[in-house]
Amino acid sequence: MFDEFENSEEYIEVCRRAAWACDPNAAKYWDPVARDYIWPSRWPDGVDPDVYVKRELARLSAKFTPAEGSSTSPSVRRFREMLR
């Protein structure tokens, strides 16, 4: 279900910003005038973009995939089918 995000430029950009937000020095990128973070255009040092995106997709998939054997309502199953 989340496979299409792996090559999505928008999702990769969200991951890049999230990687910066997790950086211990993230506070230095806060712009009080813009009231937003101004992240550098590259990825943080030591972060492999492919690995980071795949790890985030795995985490997202695990969060929204029901555990094996769990019962879900028909409406939830239908909603999941619509999202595929």
N, C-alpha and C. Protein backbone atom coordinates (compact mmCIF):
# COMPACT_ATOMS: atom_id res chain seq x y z
N MET A 1 0.81 -1.20 0.00
CA MET A 1 0.00 0.00 0.00
C MET A 1 0.86 1.26 0.00
N PHE A 2 1.99 1.23 0.68
CA PHE A 2 2.84 2.41 0.77
C PHE A 2 3.98 2.39 -0.24
N ASP A 3 4.01 1.38 -1.12
CA ASP A 3 5.09 1.25 -2.08
C ASP A 3 5.22 2.45 -3.01
N GLU A 4 4.08 3.06 -3.36
CA GLU A 4 4.13 4.18 -4.29
C GLU A 4 4.82 5.40 -3.69
N PHE A 5 4.92 5.47 -2.37
CA PHE A 5 5.58 6.61 -1.73
C PHE A 5 7.10 6.58 -1.89
N GLU A 6 7.65 5.40 -2.10
CA GLU A 6 9.11 5.27 -2.14
C GLU A 6 9.74 6.17 -3.20
N ASN A 7 9.05 6.39 -4.30
CA ASN A 7 9.58 7.24 -5.38
C ASN A 7 8.85 8.56 -5.51
N SER A 8 8.01 8.87 -4.55
CA SER A 8 7.25 10.12 -4.58
C SER A 8 8.14 11.27 -4.12
N GLU A 9 8.31 12.27 -4.98
CA GLU A 9 9.15 13.41 -4.62
C GLU A 9 8.61 14.14 -3.40
N GLU A 10 7.29 14.22 -3.30
CA GLU A 10 6.69 14.91 -2.17
C GLU A 10 6.97 14.17 -0.86
N TYR A 11 6.82 12.84 -0.89
CA TYR A 11 7.07 12.06 0.33
C TYR A 11 8.55 12.09 0.71
N ILE A 12 9.42 12.02 -0.28
CA ILE A 12 10.86 12.07 -0.01
C ILE A 12 11.22 13.42 0.62
N GLU A 13 10.58 14.48 0.14
CA GLU A 13 10.83 15.81 0.73
C GLU A 13 10.34 15.86 2.18
N VAL A 14 9.19 15.26 2.45
CA VAL A 14 8.69 15.20 3.83
C VAL A 14 9.70 14.45 4.70
N CYS A 15 10.24 13.36 4.19
CA CYS A 15 11.24 12.60 4.95
C CYS A 15 12.51 13.42 5.17
N ARG A 16 12.92 14.18 4.16
CA ARG A 16 14.13 15.00 4.29
C ARG A 16 13.95 16.04 5.40
N ARG A 17 12.78 16.67 5.41
CA ARG A 17 12.50 17.65 6.46
C ARG A 17 12.41 16.98 7.84
N ALA A 18 11.84 15.78 7.89
CA ALA A 18 11.75 15.06 9.16
C ALA A 18 13.15 14.70 9.66
N ALA A 19 14.04 14.34 8.74
CA ALA A 19 15.41 14.02 9.14
C ALA A 19 16.08 15.23 9.77
N TRP A 20 15.85 16.40 9.18
CA TRP A 20 16.41 17.62 9.77
C TRP A 20 15.78 17.91 11.13
N ALA A 21 14.47 17.67 11.24
CA ALA A 21 13.78 17.95 12.50
C ALA A 21 14.30 17.07 13.63
N CYS A 22 14.79 15.88 13.29
CA CYS A 22 15.34 14.96 14.30
C CYS A 22 16.77 15.30 14.67
N ASP A 23 17.39 16.18 13.93
CA ASP A 23 18.77 16.57 14.19
C ASP A 23 18.85 17.27 15.55
N PRO A 24 19.85 16.92 16.36
CA PRO A 24 19.96 17.55 17.69
C PRO A 24 20.12 19.07 17.63
N ASN A 25 20.60 19.58 16.51
CA ASN A 25 20.81 21.02 16.37
C ASN A 25 19.69 21.70 15.60
N ALA A 26 18.52 21.08 15.54
CA ALA A 26 17.41 21.61 14.73
C ALA A 26 17.00 23.02 15.14
N ALA A 27 17.14 23.34 16.41
CA ALA A 27 16.69 24.66 16.89
C ALA A 27 17.39 25.81 16.18
N LYS A 28 18.61 25.58 15.73
CA LYS A 28 19.33 26.68 15.08
C LYS A 28 18.75 27.03 13.71
N TYR A 29 17.86 26.20 13.18
CA TYR A 29 17.24 26.46 11.88
C TYR A 29 15.88 27.17 12.02
N TRP A 30 15.49 27.49 13.25
CA TRP A 30 14.22 28.18 13.46
C TRP A 30 14.38 29.65 13.08
N ASP A 31 13.47 30.15 12.25
CA ASP A 31 13.47 31.56 11.86
C ASP A 31 12.29 32.23 12.56
N PRO A 32 12.55 33.08 13.56
CA PRO A 32 11.45 33.70 14.30
C PRO A 32 10.61 34.65 13.45
N VAL A 33 11.18 35.23 12.43
CA VAL A 33 10.42 36.14 11.57
C VAL A 33 9.44 35.33 10.71
N ALA A 34 9.94 34.28 10.09
CA ALA A 34 9.09 33.43 9.24
C ALA A 34 8.22 32.52 10.09
N ARG A 35 8.58 32.38 11.36
CA ARG A 35 7.89 31.46 12.28
C ARG A 35 7.83 30.05 11.71
N ASP A 36 8.98 29.63 11.19
CA ASP A 36 9.10 28.31 10.58
C ASP A 36 10.57 27.92 10.58
N TYR A 37 10.80 26.64 10.37
CA TYR A 37 12.17 26.17 10.21
C TYR A 37 12.63 26.41 8.79
N ILE A 38 13.84 26.85 8.63
CA ILE A 38 14.45 27.03 7.32
C ILE A 38 15.53 25.96 7.19
N TRP A 39 15.14 24.81 6.64
CA TRP A 39 16.06 23.68 6.54
C TRP A 39 17.00 23.86 5.36
N PRO A 40 18.24 23.41 5.48
CA PRO A 40 19.15 23.41 4.32
C PRO A 40 18.57 22.55 3.20
N SER A 41 19.03 22.77 1.99
CA SER A 41 18.48 22.07 0.83
C SER A 41 18.99 20.64 0.70
N ARG A 42 19.97 20.28 1.47
CA ARG A 42 20.52 18.91 1.40
C ARG A 42 19.98 18.09 2.57
N TRP A 43 20.39 16.82 2.62
CA TRP A 43 20.05 15.96 3.76
C TRP A 43 21.07 16.19 4.87
N PRO A 44 20.70 15.92 6.12
CA PRO A 44 21.67 16.07 7.22
C PRO A 44 22.87 15.13 7.02
N ASP A 45 24.01 15.55 7.53
CA ASP A 45 25.21 14.72 7.45
C ASP A 45 24.96 13.37 8.10
N GLY A 46 25.42 12.32 7.45
CA GLY A 46 25.31 10.98 8.01
C GLY A 46 23.97 10.30 7.76
N VAL A 47 23.06 10.94 7.05
CA VAL A 47 21.75 10.34 6.77
C VAL A 47 21.74 9.87 5.31
N ASP A 48 21.51 8.58 5.12
CA ASP A 48 21.38 8.02 3.78
C ASP A 48 19.92 8.15 3.37
N PRO A 49 19.60 8.97 2.36
CA PRO A 49 18.19 9.20 1.99
C PRO A 49 17.42 7.92 1.69
N ASP A 50 18.01 7.00 0.93
CA ASP A 50 17.29 5.76 0.57
C ASP A 50 16.96 4.95 1.81
N VAL A 51 17.91 4.80 2.69
CA VAL A 51 17.69 4.03 3.92
C VAL A 51 16.65 4.72 4.79
N TYR A 52 16.75 6.03 4.91
CA TYR A 52 15.81 6.79 5.75
C TYR A 52 14.38 6.65 5.24
N VAL A 53 14.19 6.83 3.92
CA VAL A 53 12.84 6.74 3.34
C VAL A 53 12.28 5.33 3.52
N LYS A 54 13.09 4.32 3.26
CA LYS A 54 12.61 2.93 3.41
C LYS A 54 12.26 2.62 4.87
N ARG A 55 13.06 3.12 5.81
CA ARG A 55 12.78 2.90 7.22
C ARG A 55 11.47 3.58 7.63
N GLU A 56 11.25 4.80 7.14
CA GLU A 56 10.02 5.52 7.46
C GLU A 56 8.81 4.82 6.84
N LEU A 57 8.96 4.31 5.63
CA LEU A 57 7.86 3.58 5.00
C LEU A 57 7.53 2.30 5.76
N ALA A 58 8.56 1.61 6.22
CA ALA A 58 8.34 0.39 7.00
C ALA A 58 7.63 0.72 8.31
N ARG A 59 8.04 1.80 8.94
CA ARG A 59 7.41 2.22 10.20
C ARG A 59 5.95 2.61 9.96
N LEU A 60 5.71 3.35 8.89
CA LEU A 60 4.35 3.77 8.55
C LEU A 60 3.48 2.57 8.22
N SER A 61 4.02 1.65 7.46
CA SER A 61 3.27 0.46 7.09
C SER A 61 2.92 -0.38 8.31
N ALA A 62 3.88 -0.55 9.22
CA ALA A 62 3.63 -1.33 10.43
C ALA A 62 2.58 -0.66 11.31
N LYS A 63 2.59 0.65 11.32
CA LYS A 63 1.64 1.39 12.15
C LYS A 63 0.21 1.21 11.67
N PHE A 64 0.03 1.13 10.35
CA PHE A 64 -1.31 1.09 9.78
C PHE A 64 -1.73 -0.28 9.25
N THR A 65 -0.91 -1.29 9.46
CA THR A 65 -1.26 -2.64 9.04
C THR A 65 -1.71 -3.40 10.28
N PRO A 66 -2.91 -3.98 10.25
CA PRO A 66 -3.37 -4.69 11.44
C PRO A 66 -2.53 -5.93 11.71
N ALA A 67 -2.42 -6.26 12.97
CA ALA A 67 -1.69 -7.46 13.36
C ALA A 67 -2.39 -8.69 12.79
N GLU A 68 -1.61 -9.69 12.48
CA GLU A 68 -2.18 -10.92 11.93
C GLU A 68 -3.17 -11.52 12.91
N GLY A 69 -4.30 -11.92 12.40
CA GLY A 69 -5.32 -12.53 13.25
C GLY A 69 -6.27 -11.52 13.87
N SER A 70 -5.98 -10.24 13.72
CA SER A 70 -6.90 -9.26 14.31
C SER A 70 -8.10 -9.10 13.39
N SER A 71 -9.23 -8.85 13.99
CA SER A 71 -10.43 -8.68 13.19
C SER A 71 -10.66 -7.19 12.96
N THR A 72 -11.04 -6.87 11.74
CA THR A 72 -11.36 -5.48 11.42
C THR A 72 -12.78 -5.44 10.89
N SER A 73 -13.40 -4.32 11.07
CA SER A 73 -14.78 -4.19 10.62
C SER A 73 -14.82 -4.14 9.09
N PRO A 74 -15.96 -4.49 8.49
CA PRO A 74 -16.09 -4.43 7.04
C PRO A 74 -15.85 -3.03 6.48
N SER A 75 -16.25 -2.00 7.23
CA SER A 75 -16.04 -0.64 6.73
C SER A 75 -14.56 -0.27 6.70
N VAL A 76 -13.79 -0.74 7.67
CA VAL A 76 -12.35 -0.48 7.68
C VAL A 76 -11.69 -1.24 6.54
N ARG A 77 -12.10 -2.50 6.33
CA ARG A 77 -11.54 -3.27 5.21
C ARG A 77 -11.85 -2.59 3.88
N ARG A 78 -13.07 -2.10 3.72
CA ARG A 78 -13.46 -1.41 2.48
C ARG A 78 -12.65 -0.14 2.30
N PHE A 79 -12.45 0.62 3.37
CA PHE A 79 -11.66 1.84 3.29
C PHE A 79 -10.24 1.54 2.85
N ARG A 80 -9.66 0.49 3.39
CA ARG A 80 -8.30 0.10 3.01
C ARG A 80 -8.24 -0.29 1.53
N GLU A 81 -9.26 -0.98 1.07
CA GLU A 81 -9.31 -1.35 -0.35
C GLU A 81 -9.39 -0.11 -1.23
N MET A 82 -10.13 0.88 -0.79
CA MET A 82 -10.25 2.12 -1.56
C MET A 82 -8.92 2.85 -1.63
N LEU A 83 -8.12 2.74 -0.59
CA LEU A 83 -6.82 3.43 -0.57
C LEU A 83 -5.79 2.75 -1.46
N ARG A 84 -6.01 1.50 -1.78
CA ARG A 84 -5.02 0.77 -2.62
C ARG A 84 -5.12 1.16 -4.06
